[in-house]
């Protein structure tokens, strides 16, 4: 990242929220479930599927966690009612993970009961390293009763190889991503090439054990590497999928769909859009640059 981009990213908290919201529109479906429905319908018409995520990991009370649980359950009912090609992604901190692990587990259980009744897949998102062990623990407990669930692993963490070996014994559905949270050199690879190499190593481990993997990346090198691995192993197109964030590299997304690969877009929505959007700006400084330029462009 250039010095200018670092400066822009560090200045984002000073930018008025209406301006941030304008540019965040490419990354989030909107603030309401109706917005999300419209977005997923459009994605489905383009030949891709979706996973819906109710934004809101920044919660501080059990009441907020229960509200988040109820919103996720509403999403499940809506997916069925509207006949959307979508599953659900959940962040455990929004369901009380940092308040009380057992309380969180029961919140997730209530979501999974509804999902199971409607045959909808639920993905456990992974957050920063303070949540990794607890997220895996909650997943392992609930996956036994609710097999139509999956978990995310992050390739930049040193521990992920061992986590992969542990979880492979339970034959889960994985989403493999690089990881976007800022982590210490003590626990995470810092170099781009190191992360790429570990991503492909982990993907190979998962495929060798016949795991279904959501290959979550916008990195052309990793997309090409994954496709080469898929071809070499002779995998069917029903044995994996590619996953991308809403608003990122739409040309690559469309190419993957044209080439016959299953493609799923991560579709976040909700009132807690600001924290999510600023993380996207940090990951993609070019967009932060657009926000900066907008501040100094006169209205015409």
Protein backbone atom coordinates (compact mmCIF):
# COMPACT_ATOMS: atom_id res chain seq x y z
CA UNK A 1 0.00 0.00 0.00
CA UNK A 2 1.43 3.43 -0.95
CA UNK A 3 1.98 6.18 1.63
CA UNK A 4 -0.91 8.12 0.08
CA UNK A 5 -3.25 5.14 0.38
CA UNK A 6 -2.19 4.57 3.98
CA UNK A 7 -2.94 8.21 4.70
CA UNK A 8 -6.36 8.00 3.05
CA UNK A 9 -7.29 4.80 4.87
CA UNK A 10 -6.23 6.23 8.24
CA UNK A 11 -8.35 9.32 7.51
CA UNK A 12 -11.58 7.42 6.81
CA UNK A 13 -12.92 7.92 10.38
CA UNK A 14 -12.83 11.68 9.71
CA UNK A 15 -14.94 11.41 6.55
CA UNK A 16 -18.64 12.27 7.00
CA UNK A 17 -20.76 9.13 7.13
CA UNK A 18 -23.05 10.13 4.23
CA UNK A 19 -20.01 10.19 1.94
CA UNK A 20 -18.74 6.85 3.24
CA UNK A 21 -22.26 5.43 2.76
CA UNK A 22 -22.31 6.56 -0.85
CA UNK A 23 -19.17 4.63 -1.70
CA UNK A 24 -19.99 1.70 0.57
CA UNK A 25 -22.96 0.98 -1.66
CA UNK A 26 -20.88 -1.31 -3.85
CA UNK A 27 -20.04 -3.53 -0.85
CA UNK A 28 -23.39 -3.74 0.95
CA UNK A 29 -26.88 -4.53 -0.31
CA UNK A 30 -28.44 -1.80 1.83
CA UNK A 31 -29.74 -1.25 5.31
CA UNK A 32 -32.94 -3.33 5.09
CA UNK A 33 -33.90 -6.92 4.32
CA UNK A 34 -35.93 -5.61 1.37
CA UNK A 35 -32.71 -4.15 -0.05
CA UNK A 36 -31.01 -7.51 0.38
CA UNK A 37 -33.84 -9.36 -1.39
CA UNK A 38 -33.56 -7.05 -4.40
CA UNK A 39 -29.79 -7.55 -4.50
CA UNK A 40 -29.95 -11.36 -4.30
CA UNK A 41 -32.61 -11.53 -7.00
CA UNK A 42 -30.33 -9.60 -9.34
CA UNK A 43 -27.38 -11.87 -8.47
CA UNK A 44 -29.52 -14.94 -9.18
CA UNK A 45 -30.52 -13.60 -12.60
CA UNK A 46 -26.80 -13.29 -13.40
CA UNK A 47 -26.30 -17.00 -12.77
CA UNK A 48 -24.72 -16.71 -9.32
CA UNK A 49 -25.97 -17.58 -5.85
CA UNK A 50 -25.57 -15.71 -2.57
CA UNK A 51 -25.03 -15.89 1.13
CA UNK A 52 -26.81 -13.27 3.24
CA UNK A 53 -25.21 -11.73 6.30
CA UNK A 54 -26.94 -9.47 8.82
CA UNK A 55 -24.28 -6.96 9.82
CA UNK A 56 -23.89 -6.34 13.54
CA UNK A 57 -20.86 -7.88 15.22
CA UNK A 58 -20.49 -4.78 17.40
CA UNK A 59 -23.00 -5.74 20.08
CA UNK A 60 -22.67 -5.18 23.82
CA UNK A 61 -25.73 -6.75 25.47
CA UNK A 62 -27.57 -10.07 25.42
CA UNK A 63 -30.68 -8.23 24.24
CA UNK A 64 -28.80 -7.09 21.14
CA UNK A 65 -27.59 -10.63 20.55
CA UNK A 66 -31.15 -11.99 20.75
CA UNK A 67 -32.25 -9.31 18.28
CA UNK A 68 -29.46 -10.38 15.93
CA UNK A 69 -30.56 -14.01 16.28
CA UNK A 70 -34.13 -13.07 15.41
CA UNK A 71 -32.98 -11.10 12.37
CA UNK A 72 -31.09 -14.14 11.09
CA UNK A 73 -34.17 -16.30 11.59
CA UNK A 74 -36.20 -13.73 9.63
CA UNK A 75 -33.64 -13.98 6.82
CA UNK A 76 -34.12 -17.76 6.72
CA UNK A 77 -37.90 -17.43 6.44
CA UNK A 78 -37.45 -14.80 3.73
CA UNK A 79 -35.09 -16.97 1.67
CA UNK A 80 -37.76 -19.65 1.61
CA UNK A 81 -40.69 -17.30 1.02
CA UNK A 82 -38.97 -15.41 -1.80
CA UNK A 83 -37.42 -18.58 -3.31
CA UNK A 84 -33.93 -17.04 -3.30
CA UNK A 85 -30.83 -19.03 -4.23
CA UNK A 86 -29.03 -18.10 -1.05
CA UNK A 87 -27.78 -19.44 2.22
CA UNK A 88 -27.01 -17.62 5.50
CA UNK A 89 -23.72 -16.51 7.03
CA UNK A 90 -23.49 -15.69 10.74
CA UNK A 91 -20.86 -13.99 12.88
CA UNK A 92 -20.79 -15.41 16.38
CA UNK A 93 -19.83 -12.12 18.04
CA UNK A 94 -23.17 -10.70 16.85
CA UNK A 95 -24.83 -13.60 18.67
CA UNK A 96 -23.06 -13.04 21.98
CA UNK A 97 -19.77 -14.96 21.67
CA UNK A 98 -17.82 -12.37 23.67
CA UNK A 99 -20.56 -12.05 26.28
CA UNK A 100 -21.15 -15.72 27.11
CA UNK A 101 -20.06 -18.68 24.97
CA UNK A 102 -22.89 -20.97 26.12
CA UNK A 103 -25.46 -18.23 25.54
CA UNK A 104 -24.06 -17.75 22.04
CA UNK A 105 -24.19 -21.48 21.36
CA UNK A 106 -27.88 -21.59 22.22
CA UNK A 107 -28.60 -18.56 20.04
CA UNK A 108 -26.92 -20.28 17.12
CA UNK A 109 -28.79 -23.51 17.88
CA UNK A 110 -32.11 -21.67 17.52
CA UNK A 111 -31.02 -20.35 14.11
CA UNK A 112 -29.90 -23.79 12.98
CA UNK A 113 -33.19 -25.40 14.00
CA UNK A 114 -35.03 -23.08 11.62
CA UNK A 115 -32.41 -23.55 8.89
CA UNK A 116 -32.64 -27.34 9.18
CA UNK A 117 -36.43 -27.25 8.90
CA UNK A 118 -36.11 -25.23 5.70
CA UNK A 119 -33.06 -27.05 4.34
CA UNK A 120 -30.92 -23.89 4.24
CA UNK A 121 -27.16 -24.05 4.67
CA UNK A 122 -25.58 -21.86 7.36
CA UNK A 123 -21.96 -20.70 7.32
CA UNK A 124 -20.08 -19.79 10.51
CA UNK A 125 -18.00 -16.75 9.59
CA UNK A 126 -14.53 -16.36 11.08
CA UNK A 127 -13.53 -13.13 12.79
CA UNK A 128 -10.25 -11.96 14.29
CA UNK A 129 -7.85 -14.26 16.12
CA UNK A 130 -9.41 -13.59 19.54
CA UNK A 131 -12.48 -15.51 18.31
CA UNK A 132 -10.88 -18.37 16.36
CA UNK A 133 -10.78 -21.07 19.04
CA UNK A 134 -14.26 -20.31 20.40
CA UNK A 135 -15.78 -20.18 16.91
CA UNK A 136 -14.33 -23.58 16.05
CA UNK A 137 -15.51 -24.97 19.40
CA UNK A 138 -19.09 -23.77 18.90
CA UNK A 139 -19.10 -25.05 15.34
CA UNK A 140 -17.88 -28.51 16.34
CA UNK A 141 -20.53 -28.82 19.03
CA UNK A 142 -23.39 -27.82 16.72
CA UNK A 143 -22.17 -29.46 13.51
CA UNK A 144 -22.86 -32.87 15.06
CA UNK A 145 -26.59 -32.11 15.22
CA UNK A 146 -26.73 -29.78 12.23
CA UNK A 147 -24.54 -31.16 9.43
CA UNK A 148 -25.86 -28.63 6.88
CA UNK A 149 -23.38 -26.08 8.22
CA UNK A 150 -19.88 -24.94 7.36
CA UNK A 151 -17.01 -22.89 8.73
CA UNK A 152 -14.49 -20.35 7.48
CA UNK A 153 -10.73 -20.76 7.85
CA UNK A 154 -8.17 -18.03 7.17
CA UNK A 155 -5.00 -18.88 5.27
CA UNK A 156 -2.85 -16.17 6.82
CA UNK A 157 -2.93 -17.67 10.32
CA UNK A 158 -0.13 -20.07 11.24
CA UNK A 159 -2.58 -22.25 13.17
CA UNK A 160 -4.90 -22.88 10.21
CA UNK A 161 -3.04 -25.96 8.95
CA UNK A 162 -3.59 -27.69 12.27
CA UNK A 163 -7.19 -26.44 12.45
CA UNK A 164 -7.75 -27.89 8.99
CA UNK A 165 -6.40 -31.30 10.04
CA UNK A 166 -8.64 -31.28 13.11
CA UNK A 167 -11.79 -30.27 11.25
CA UNK A 168 -11.24 -32.61 8.30
CA UNK A 169 -11.98 -35.50 10.63
CA UNK A 170 -15.56 -34.20 10.86
CA UNK A 171 -15.96 -33.71 7.09
CA UNK A 172 -17.21 -30.13 7.20
CA UNK A 173 -17.93 -27.72 4.39
CA UNK A 174 -15.16 -25.07 4.32
CA UNK A 175 -14.88 -21.53 3.12
CA UNK A 176 -11.18 -20.81 2.67
CA UNK A 177 -10.11 -17.16 2.51
CA UNK A 178 -6.89 -15.22 3.00
CA UNK A 179 -8.11 -13.29 6.06
CA UNK A 180 -8.60 -9.54 6.35
CA UNK A 181 -8.11 -8.67 10.02
CA UNK A 182 -4.81 -7.11 11.05
CA UNK A 183 -2.92 -9.80 12.98
CA UNK A 184 0.48 -9.94 14.66
CA UNK A 185 3.54 -11.40 12.90
CA UNK A 186 3.67 -13.80 15.85
CA UNK A 187 0.54 -15.59 14.64
CA UNK A 188 0.07 -14.70 10.99
CA UNK A 189 1.92 -14.56 7.70
CA UNK A 190 2.50 -10.95 6.66
CA UNK A 191 3.76 -11.34 3.09
CA UNK A 192 1.40 -11.67 0.13
CA UNK A 193 3.28 -14.59 -1.40
CA UNK A 194 3.42 -16.44 1.93
CA UNK A 195 -0.34 -16.17 2.30
CA UNK A 196 -0.90 -17.26 -1.31
CA UNK A 197 1.32 -20.31 -0.87
CA UNK A 198 -0.42 -21.33 2.35
CA UNK A 199 -3.85 -20.81 0.77
CA UNK A 200 -3.05 -23.24 -2.03
CA UNK A 201 -1.47 -25.71 0.40
CA UNK A 202 -4.59 -25.71 2.57
CA UNK A 203 -6.88 -25.96 -0.44
CA UNK A 204 -4.95 -29.03 -1.59
CA UNK A 205 -5.32 -30.62 1.85
CA UNK A 206 -9.06 -30.04 1.81
CA UNK A 207 -9.55 -31.35 -1.71
CA UNK A 208 -7.42 -34.43 -1.04
CA UNK A 209 -9.79 -35.35 1.80
CA UNK A 210 -12.85 -34.81 -0.43
CA UNK A 211 -14.04 -31.72 1.45
CA UNK A 212 -16.38 -29.29 -0.27
CA UNK A 213 -14.66 -25.89 -0.36
CA UNK A 214 -15.91 -22.39 -1.00
CA UNK A 215 -12.79 -20.89 -2.59
CA UNK A 216 -13.14 -17.32 -1.36
CA UNK A 217 -10.71 -15.05 -3.17
CA UNK A 218 -10.42 -12.17 -5.63
CA UNK A 219 -6.75 -12.92 -6.26
CA UNK A 220 -6.21 -14.02 -9.88
CA UNK A 221 -3.18 -16.09 -8.92
CA UNK A 222 -5.26 -18.07 -6.42
CA UNK A 223 -8.19 -18.43 -8.80
CA UNK A 224 -5.88 -19.77 -11.49
CA UNK A 225 -4.10 -22.02 -8.99
CA UNK A 226 -7.39 -23.40 -7.73
CA UNK A 227 -8.66 -24.10 -11.24
CA UNK A 228 -5.40 -25.89 -12.11
CA UNK A 229 -5.78 -28.01 -8.96
CA UNK A 230 -9.42 -28.77 -9.76
CA UNK A 231 -8.50 -29.86 -13.28
CA UNK A 232 -5.57 -31.99 -12.08
CA UNK A 233 -7.73 -33.75 -9.48
CA UNK A 234 -10.63 -34.16 -11.89
CA UNK A 235 -13.12 -32.56 -9.53
CA UNK A 236 -16.71 -32.14 -10.65
CA UNK A 237 -18.24 -28.68 -10.63
CA UNK A 238 -20.57 -29.87 -7.87
CA UNK A 239 -17.64 -30.51 -5.53
CA UNK A 240 -16.55 -26.89 -4.95
CA UNK A 241 -17.55 -23.31 -5.54
CA UNK A 242 -15.90 -19.91 -5.83
CA UNK A 243 -16.95 -17.15 -3.49
CA UNK A 244 -16.48 -13.40 -3.71
CA UNK A 245 -17.54 -10.26 -1.90
CA UNK A 246 -20.33 -8.13 -3.32
CA UNK A 247 -18.84 -5.30 -5.35
CA UNK A 248 -15.34 -6.69 -5.78
CA UNK A 249 -13.93 -7.64 -9.20
CA UNK A 250 -17.26 -8.12 -11.01
CA UNK A 251 -15.43 -8.91 -14.26
CA UNK A 252 -13.72 -11.91 -12.66
CA UNK A 253 -16.99 -13.01 -11.13
CA UNK A 254 -18.74 -12.95 -14.50
CA UNK A 255 -15.91 -14.87 -16.15
CA UNK A 256 -16.10 -17.65 -13.57
CA UNK A 257 -19.85 -17.94 -14.14
CA UNK A 258 -19.38 -17.97 -17.93
CA UNK A 259 -16.82 -20.75 -17.55
CA UNK A 260 -19.38 -22.87 -15.73
CA UNK A 261 -18.08 -22.58 -12.16
CA UNK A 262 -20.51 -22.17 -9.29
CA UNK A 263 -20.10 -18.67 -7.86
CA UNK A 264 -21.51 -17.36 -4.59
CA UNK A 265 -21.53 -13.70 -3.56
CA UNK A 266 -21.33 -12.60 0.05
CA UNK A 267 -24.21 -10.12 0.52
CA UNK A 268 -24.09 -8.12 3.75
CA UNK A 269 -26.85 -5.75 4.78
CA UNK A 270 -28.13 -3.94 7.84
CA UNK A 271 -27.83 -0.86 10.00
CA UNK A 272 -24.30 -1.74 11.10
CA UNK A 273 -22.86 -1.03 7.66
CA UNK A 274 -20.21 1.47 8.76
CA UNK A 275 -17.76 -0.89 10.49
CA UNK A 276 -18.00 -3.42 7.68
CA UNK A 277 -17.50 -0.77 5.02
CA UNK A 278 -14.43 0.77 6.62
CA UNK A 279 -12.82 -2.67 6.77
CA UNK A 280 -13.49 -3.06 3.05
CA UNK A 281 -11.85 0.32 2.41
CA UNK A 282 -8.77 -0.81 4.32
CA UNK A 283 -8.63 -3.98 2.24
CA UNK A 284 -9.17 -2.08 -1.04
CA UNK A 285 -7.48 1.34 -0.70
CA UNK A 286 -8.51 2.39 -4.21
CA UNK A 287 -12.08 2.78 -3.03
CA UNK A 288 -10.88 4.83 -0.07
CA UNK A 289 -9.15 7.03 -2.63
CA UNK A 290 -12.46 7.64 -4.38
CA UNK A 291 -13.95 8.82 -1.08
CA UNK A 292 -11.01 11.20 -0.61
CA UNK A 293 -11.41 12.67 -4.10
CA UNK A 294 -15.13 13.16 -3.57
CA UNK A 295 -14.41 15.48 -0.66
CA UNK A 296 -12.60 17.89 -2.98
CA UNK A 297 -14.74 17.58 -6.10
CA UNK A 298 -17.20 20.47 -6.44
CA UNK A 299 -20.80 19.63 -7.22
CA UNK A 300 -21.77 20.39 -10.81
